[in-house]
Amino acid sequence: MEWYVFAFACAFVVSLAAITEKRTLIKEHAMEFSTVLAIFNFILSIPLLVFADFSIFYNSIDLLILIYCASLLGSIAFLLIAKSMRHMDISRVSPLLNFSPAVVAVLAFVLLGEKLTLIQIFGIVILMIGAYLLESKNGMKTFSKTMKEFTTSKYIFYIVISFFLYGLSSIIDKYSLGFMTPVTYLATLQFFIAINFIVMISLFHNGVSGIKNGINRAGKWIFLVAVFTVSYRLLQLQAVSMAYVSLVIPIKKLGTLFSTIIGGKVFHEKDLLKKGIACLVMLIGVYLIVI
């Protein structure tokens, strides 16, 4: 089977995960949702332990600590995205998620000294244009108003912060995968993320009762999100094992277009044509950044 079959399947499952997540978060608290999802994700990842090799950690506790740091950054970022998804239209949140490759590229340039090419810079500009199209109400006449709304929205601020947290986490991912297999890394990461959310819900929410509430009220839907999440991660790993990451990621990001249009239809959101065009523009930017 060709690599692009796995990549397109990944994109489709990403959109299913996002739509199901939005459907669940309409009634479910973001912390309870995120914690139960993290637990389900780890449970579904247990079969991966058969293929994992943890011997690398026997002589490298520093690497284990580094992976935990990545899991903590990713946990906080996911919670912020969940909060934004709960309160914003999926057709607004999904296109904005295309900014993540730009943030990773900039952080790699600043922290790792990696080269930032003119094409990548142009891609970042294209992303910014797409974001403006997404948020604008009546064209350039309302530029100042659009920028004010964009910069003062609490939930967009959460999304922006999550980009930087995910960006730092991705840099750790890239470094850590030089020492272990993707399956070992994924299994370790899922375990730490589950622990992180159990601690966070205990400290900042209602602890075990919150986990029980999440399972009782929306357990089957959260489990479905977990199935989709683990599935698209495995599909992405399979696609990347057969082709360059620069080919796989743009196709995977088509999931944001699917969730923008299909999710927008499902939840009866407005201006879907404009949002779909904005998402397409941003996908062009993503392609230019990762090629």
Protein backbone atom coordinates (compact mmCIF):
# COMPACT_ATOMS: atom_id res chain seq x y z
CA MET A 1 0.00 0.00 0.00
CA GLU A 2 1.35 3.45 -0.95
CA TRP A 3 2.37 5.99 1.73
CA TYR A 4 -0.19 8.58 0.63
CA VAL A 5 -3.04 6.18 1.44
CA PHE A 6 -1.90 6.22 5.08
CA ALA A 7 -1.39 10.01 4.95
CA PHE A 8 -4.88 10.72 3.58
CA ALA A 9 -6.39 8.24 6.03
CA CYS A 10 -4.54 10.09 8.80
CA ALA A 11 -6.04 13.42 7.64
CA PHE A 12 -9.55 11.97 7.60
CA VAL A 13 -9.20 10.43 11.06
CA VAL A 14 -7.76 13.71 12.41
CA SER A 15 -10.95 15.45 11.29
CA LEU A 16 -13.12 12.75 12.88
CA ALA A 17 -11.21 13.21 16.15
CA ALA A 18 -11.69 16.99 16.06
CA ILE A 19 -15.41 16.80 15.26
CA THR A 20 -16.04 14.20 17.96
CA GLU A 21 -13.99 16.26 20.42
CA LYS A 22 -16.05 19.36 19.69
CA ARG A 23 -19.29 17.41 20.03
CA THR A 24 -18.16 16.13 23.45
CA LEU A 25 -16.82 19.46 24.74
CA ILE A 26 -20.13 21.23 24.13
CA LYS A 27 -21.36 19.65 27.38
CA GLU A 28 -18.20 18.32 29.02
CA HIS A 29 -15.64 20.27 31.12
CA ALA A 30 -12.29 20.63 29.33
CA MET A 31 -10.23 19.32 32.28
CA GLU A 32 -12.44 16.25 32.77
CA PHE A 33 -12.47 15.57 29.02
CA SER A 34 -8.68 15.91 28.71
CA THR A 35 -7.96 13.69 31.72
CA VAL A 36 -10.28 10.87 30.69
CA LEU A 37 -8.96 11.08 27.12
CA ALA A 38 -5.35 10.87 28.35
CA ILE A 39 -6.20 7.77 30.39
CA PHE A 40 -7.98 6.13 27.46
CA ASN A 41 -5.11 7.02 25.12
CA PHE A 42 -2.66 5.28 27.42
CA ILE A 43 -4.88 2.21 27.79
CA LEU A 44 -5.16 1.93 24.01
CA SER A 45 -1.38 2.35 23.73
CA ILE A 46 -0.65 -0.59 26.08
CA PRO A 47 -0.37 -3.09 23.16
CA LEU A 48 2.50 -0.93 21.85
CA LEU A 49 4.52 -1.95 24.92
CA VAL A 50 5.15 -5.31 23.24
CA PHE A 51 7.11 -3.51 20.51
CA ALA A 52 8.78 -0.91 22.75
CA ASP A 53 12.36 -1.08 23.98
CA PHE A 54 12.90 0.70 27.30
CA SER A 55 16.50 -0.42 27.76
CA ILE A 56 17.67 3.01 26.58
CA PHE A 57 16.45 4.48 29.87
CA TYR A 58 18.60 2.19 32.05
CA ASN A 59 21.69 4.27 31.35
CA SER A 60 20.03 7.56 30.41
CA ILE A 61 17.72 8.94 33.09
CA ASP A 62 18.27 12.40 31.59
CA LEU A 63 16.48 11.29 28.43
CA LEU A 64 13.53 10.07 30.48
CA ILE A 65 13.34 13.42 32.26
CA LEU A 66 13.47 15.18 28.90
CA ILE A 67 10.55 13.12 27.59
CA TYR A 68 8.61 13.94 30.74
CA CYS A 69 9.21 17.65 30.07
CA ALA A 70 7.82 17.16 26.55
CA SER A 71 4.77 15.40 28.01
CA LEU A 72 4.14 18.24 30.47
CA LEU A 73 4.36 20.87 27.73
CA GLY A 74 2.07 18.79 25.51
CA SER A 75 -0.43 18.22 28.33
CA ILE A 76 -0.80 21.94 29.08
CA ALA A 77 -1.03 22.73 25.36
CA PHE A 78 -3.76 20.13 24.81
CA LEU A 79 -5.79 21.48 27.74
CA LEU A 80 -5.59 25.01 26.33
CA ILE A 81 -6.73 23.80 22.90
CA ALA A 82 -9.60 21.87 24.53
CA LYS A 83 -10.72 25.00 26.38
CA SER A 84 -10.65 26.97 23.11
CA MET A 85 -12.46 24.22 21.20
CA ARG A 86 -15.19 24.20 23.85
CA HIS A 87 -15.90 27.92 23.53
CA MET A 88 -15.09 28.66 19.87
CA ASP A 89 -16.40 27.39 16.53
CA ILE A 90 -14.54 24.35 15.23
CA SER A 91 -14.37 26.17 11.88
CA ARG A 92 -12.26 28.87 13.60
CA VAL A 93 -10.07 26.67 15.75
CA SER A 94 -9.17 24.06 13.11
CA PRO A 95 -7.61 26.47 10.56
CA LEU A 96 -5.62 28.21 13.30
CA LEU A 97 -4.02 24.89 14.22
CA ASN A 98 -2.12 25.12 10.93
CA PHE A 99 0.18 27.65 12.59
CA SER A 100 2.01 24.92 14.52
CA PRO A 101 4.62 24.12 11.78
CA ALA A 102 5.51 27.83 11.60
CA VAL A 103 6.11 28.02 15.34
CA VAL A 104 8.23 24.84 15.26
CA ALA A 105 10.33 26.27 12.39
CA VAL A 106 10.92 29.56 14.23
CA LEU A 107 11.77 27.83 17.52
CA ALA A 108 14.17 25.46 15.74
CA PHE A 109 15.82 28.52 14.17
CA VAL A 110 16.15 30.31 17.53
CA LEU A 111 17.00 27.37 19.80
CA LEU A 112 18.76 24.90 17.50
CA GLY A 113 20.28 27.23 14.93
CA GLU A 114 18.47 25.51 12.07
CA LYS A 115 18.21 27.44 8.82
CA LEU A 116 15.03 29.40 8.11
CA THR A 117 14.77 29.70 4.33
CA LEU A 118 13.12 32.42 2.28
CA ILE A 119 10.47 29.93 1.18
CA GLN A 120 9.70 29.13 4.83
CA ILE A 121 9.48 32.84 5.66
CA PHE A 122 7.11 33.29 2.72
CA GLY A 123 5.08 30.35 4.05
CA ILE A 124 4.78 32.05 7.43
CA VAL A 125 3.55 35.22 5.72
CA ILE A 126 0.96 33.17 3.80
CA LEU A 127 -0.19 31.65 7.10
CA MET A 128 -0.63 35.13 8.58
CA ILE A 129 -2.67 36.22 5.56
CA GLY A 130 -4.85 33.13 5.92
CA ALA A 131 -5.35 33.85 9.63
CA TYR A 132 -6.44 37.40 8.80
CA LEU A 133 -8.91 36.13 6.19
CA LEU A 134 -10.26 33.72 8.80
CA GLU A 135 -10.81 36.39 11.44
CA SER A 136 -11.79 39.36 9.25
CA LYS A 137 -15.42 40.46 9.11
CA ASN A 138 -15.68 42.94 6.21
CA GLY A 139 -12.34 43.03 4.42
CA MET A 140 -9.49 45.48 4.92
CA LYS A 141 -11.79 48.28 6.10
CA THR A 142 -11.98 46.57 9.46
CA PHE A 143 -8.27 45.71 9.76
CA SER A 144 -7.77 47.44 13.11
CA LYS A 145 -10.97 45.96 14.53
CA THR A 146 -10.03 42.47 13.35
CA MET A 147 -6.54 42.71 14.86
CA LYS A 148 -7.96 44.01 18.13
CA GLU A 149 -10.40 41.10 18.38
CA PHE A 150 -7.65 38.64 17.45
CA THR A 151 -5.21 39.96 20.06
CA THR A 152 -7.72 40.39 22.89
CA SER A 153 -9.58 37.06 22.62
CA LYS A 154 -8.78 34.87 25.64
CA TYR A 155 -9.26 31.66 23.72
CA ILE A 156 -7.12 32.71 20.76
CA PHE A 157 -4.46 33.62 23.33
CA TYR A 158 -4.76 30.06 24.67
CA ILE A 159 -4.24 28.70 21.15
CA VAL A 160 -1.17 30.90 20.58
CA ILE A 161 0.39 29.79 23.90
CA SER A 162 -0.32 26.16 22.99
CA PHE A 163 1.59 26.61 19.71
CA PHE A 164 4.74 27.59 21.58
CA LEU A 165 4.33 24.75 24.09
CA TYR A 166 3.76 22.23 21.29
CA GLY A 167 6.69 23.76 19.40
CA LEU A 168 9.06 23.21 22.32
CA SER A 169 7.63 19.71 22.77
CA SER A 170 8.22 18.96 19.08
CA ILE A 171 11.87 19.95 19.37
CA ILE A 172 12.25 17.50 22.26
CA ASP A 173 10.42 14.89 20.14
CA LYS A 174 12.89 15.36 17.33
CA TYR A 175 15.89 15.07 19.65
CA SER A 176 14.55 12.06 21.59
CA LEU A 177 13.63 10.08 18.46
CA GLY A 178 17.33 10.05 17.60
CA PHE A 179 17.81 7.61 20.48
CA MET A 180 14.74 5.34 20.34
CA THR A 181 11.99 3.97 18.13
CA PRO A 182 8.79 5.98 17.60
CA VAL A 183 6.77 3.24 19.34
CA THR A 184 8.95 3.44 22.49
CA TYR A 185 8.70 7.20 22.52
CA LEU A 186 4.92 7.23 21.98
CA ALA A 187 4.24 4.65 24.71
CA THR A 188 6.41 6.55 27.21
CA LEU A 189 4.85 9.87 26.30
CA GLN A 190 1.26 8.59 26.63
CA PHE A 191 2.03 7.22 30.10
CA PHE A 192 3.45 10.54 31.28
CA ILE A 193 0.56 12.54 29.78
CA ALA A 194 -1.97 10.37 31.63
CA ILE A 195 -0.08 10.93 34.91
CA ASN A 196 0.11 14.68 34.23
CA PHE A 197 -3.63 15.02 33.77
CA ILE A 198 -4.44 12.92 36.84
CA VAL A 199 -2.21 15.26 38.88
CA MET A 200 -3.68 18.40 37.27
CA ILE A 201 -7.30 17.38 37.80
CA SER A 202 -6.45 16.55 41.42
CA LEU A 203 -4.78 19.91 42.03
CA PHE A 204 -6.97 22.27 39.99
CA HIS A 205 -10.35 20.58 39.64
CA ASN A 206 -12.33 17.88 41.43
CA GLY A 207 -9.96 14.93 41.29
CA VAL A 208 -11.24 11.36 41.09
CA SER A 209 -14.88 12.51 41.11
CA GLY A 210 -14.14 14.58 37.99
CA ILE A 211 -12.72 11.51 36.23
CA LYS A 212 -15.83 9.55 37.21
CA ASN A 213 -18.06 12.39 36.00
CA GLY A 214 -16.27 12.47 32.65
CA ILE A 215 -16.61 8.72 32.17
CA ASN A 216 -20.26 8.64 33.27
CA ARG A 217 -21.39 11.64 31.19
CA ALA A 218 -19.32 11.23 28.04
CA GLY A 219 -17.17 8.12 28.41
CA LYS A 220 -18.20 6.49 25.12
CA TRP A 221 -17.58 9.69 23.14
CA ILE A 222 -14.21 10.33 24.80
CA PHE A 223 -13.22 6.72 24.16
CA LEU A 224 -14.11 7.24 20.49
CA VAL A 225 -11.86 10.33 20.40
CA ALA A 226 -9.10 8.19 21.95
CA VAL A 227 -9.54 5.52 19.25
CA PHE A 228 -9.31 8.20 16.55
CA THR A 229 -6.30 9.82 18.24
CA VAL A 230 -4.25 6.64 18.58
CA SER A 231 -5.27 5.60 15.06
CA TYR A 232 -4.13 8.80 13.34
CA ARG A 233 -0.85 8.77 15.25
CA LEU A 234 -0.16 5.21 14.07
CA LEU A 235 -1.20 6.10 10.52
CA GLN A 236 1.15 9.08 10.59
CA LEU A 237 4.03 6.94 11.88
CA GLN A 238 3.38 4.40 9.11
CA ALA A 239 3.26 7.11 6.43
CA VAL A 240 6.45 8.76 7.73
CA SER A 241 8.21 5.38 7.72
CA MET A 242 7.48 5.13 3.96
CA ALA A 243 8.00 8.75 2.81
CA TYR A 244 9.51 12.08 3.81
CA VAL A 245 7.90 14.00 6.69
CA SER A 246 7.70 17.01 4.36
CA LEU A 247 5.28 15.02 2.17
CA VAL A 248 3.21 13.52 4.98
CA ILE A 249 2.56 16.60 7.15
CA PRO A 250 0.83 18.77 4.49
CA ILE A 251 -1.53 15.88 3.70
CA LYS A 252 -2.18 15.27 7.39
CA LYS A 253 -3.01 18.97 7.79
CA LEU A 254 -5.82 18.52 5.25
CA GLY A 255 -7.65 17.22 8.30
CA THR A 256 -8.05 20.83 9.42
CA LEU A 257 -9.87 21.60 6.16
CA PHE A 258 -12.14 18.57 6.56
CA SER A 259 -13.00 19.49 10.15
CA THR A 260 -13.54 23.15 9.17
CA ILE A 261 -16.07 22.31 6.46
CA ILE A 262 -17.64 19.09 7.76
CA GLY A 263 -17.53 20.16 11.41
CA GLY A 264 -18.88 23.57 10.52
CA LYS A 265 -21.80 21.92 8.72
CA VAL A 266 -22.48 19.53 11.58
CA PHE A 267 -22.56 22.33 14.17
CA HIS A 268 -24.38 24.82 11.89
CA GLU A 269 -21.61 27.42 11.96
CA LYS A 270 -21.52 30.53 9.75
CA ASP A 271 -19.23 31.80 6.94
CA LEU A 272 -17.95 28.33 6.06
CA LEU A 273 -16.96 29.30 2.51
CA LYS A 274 -14.72 32.10 3.77
CA LYS A 275 -13.30 29.91 6.54
CA GLY A 276 -12.65 27.09 4.07
CA ILE A 277 -10.79 29.45 1.71
CA ALA A 278 -8.77 30.83 4.63
CA CYS A 279 -7.87 27.28 5.67
CA LEU A 280 -6.74 26.45 2.11
CA VAL A 281 -4.52 29.54 2.08
CA MET A 282 -3.00 28.47 5.39
CA LEU A 283 -2.40 24.96 4.05
CA ILE A 284 -0.36 26.49 1.22
CA GLY A 285 1.69 28.22 3.90
CA VAL A 286 2.18 24.91 5.74
CA TYR A 287 3.40 23.25 2.54
CA LEU A 288 5.95 26.00 1.93
CA ILE A 289 7.26 25.70 5.49
CA VAL A 290 7.74 21.94 5.58
CA ILE A 291 9.00 21.23 2.03
